[in-house]
Amino acid sequence: AIIYLLSPQASFVTGIDLVVDGGWIAQIR
């Protein structure tokens, strides 16, 4: 998700990506 934060699309991707990453991290752990 860090890649998205550094990308030009960060303005509209960051919020959704953070939620998705949170779900993935929760599943992995």
Protein backbone atom coordinates (compact mmCIF):
# COMPACT_ATOMS: atom_id res chain seq x y z
CA ALA A 1 0.00 0.00 0.00
CA ILE A 2 2.98 2.27 0.52
CA ILE A 3 3.44 2.22 -3.25
CA TYR A 4 -0.06 3.66 -3.64
CA LEU A 5 0.71 6.37 -1.09
CA LEU A 6 3.62 7.50 -3.26
CA SER A 7 1.66 7.27 -6.50
CA PRO A 8 -0.25 10.11 -8.23
CA GLN A 9 -3.50 8.29 -7.50
CA ALA A 10 -2.87 8.58 -3.75
CA SER A 11 -5.55 11.28 -3.47
CA PHE A 12 -8.37 8.80 -4.08
CA VAL A 13 -6.65 5.44 -3.56
CA THR A 14 -5.05 5.99 -0.15
CA GLY A 15 -8.24 5.75 1.92
CA ILE A 16 -9.50 2.56 0.27
CA ASP A 17 -6.02 1.03 0.14
CA LEU A 18 -5.51 1.60 3.86
CA VAL A 19 -8.75 -0.23 4.62
CA VAL A 20 -7.81 -3.11 2.31
CA ASP A 21 -4.32 -3.35 3.80
CA GLY A 22 -5.77 -3.37 7.30
CA GLY A 23 -7.92 -6.35 6.32
CA TRP A 24 -4.98 -8.20 4.79
CA ILE A 25 -2.77 -7.59 7.81
CA ALA A 26 -5.55 -8.81 10.11
CA GLN A 27 -5.95 -12.00 8.06
CA ILE A 28 -2.20 -12.70 7.87
CA ARG A 29 -1.76 -12.24 11.61
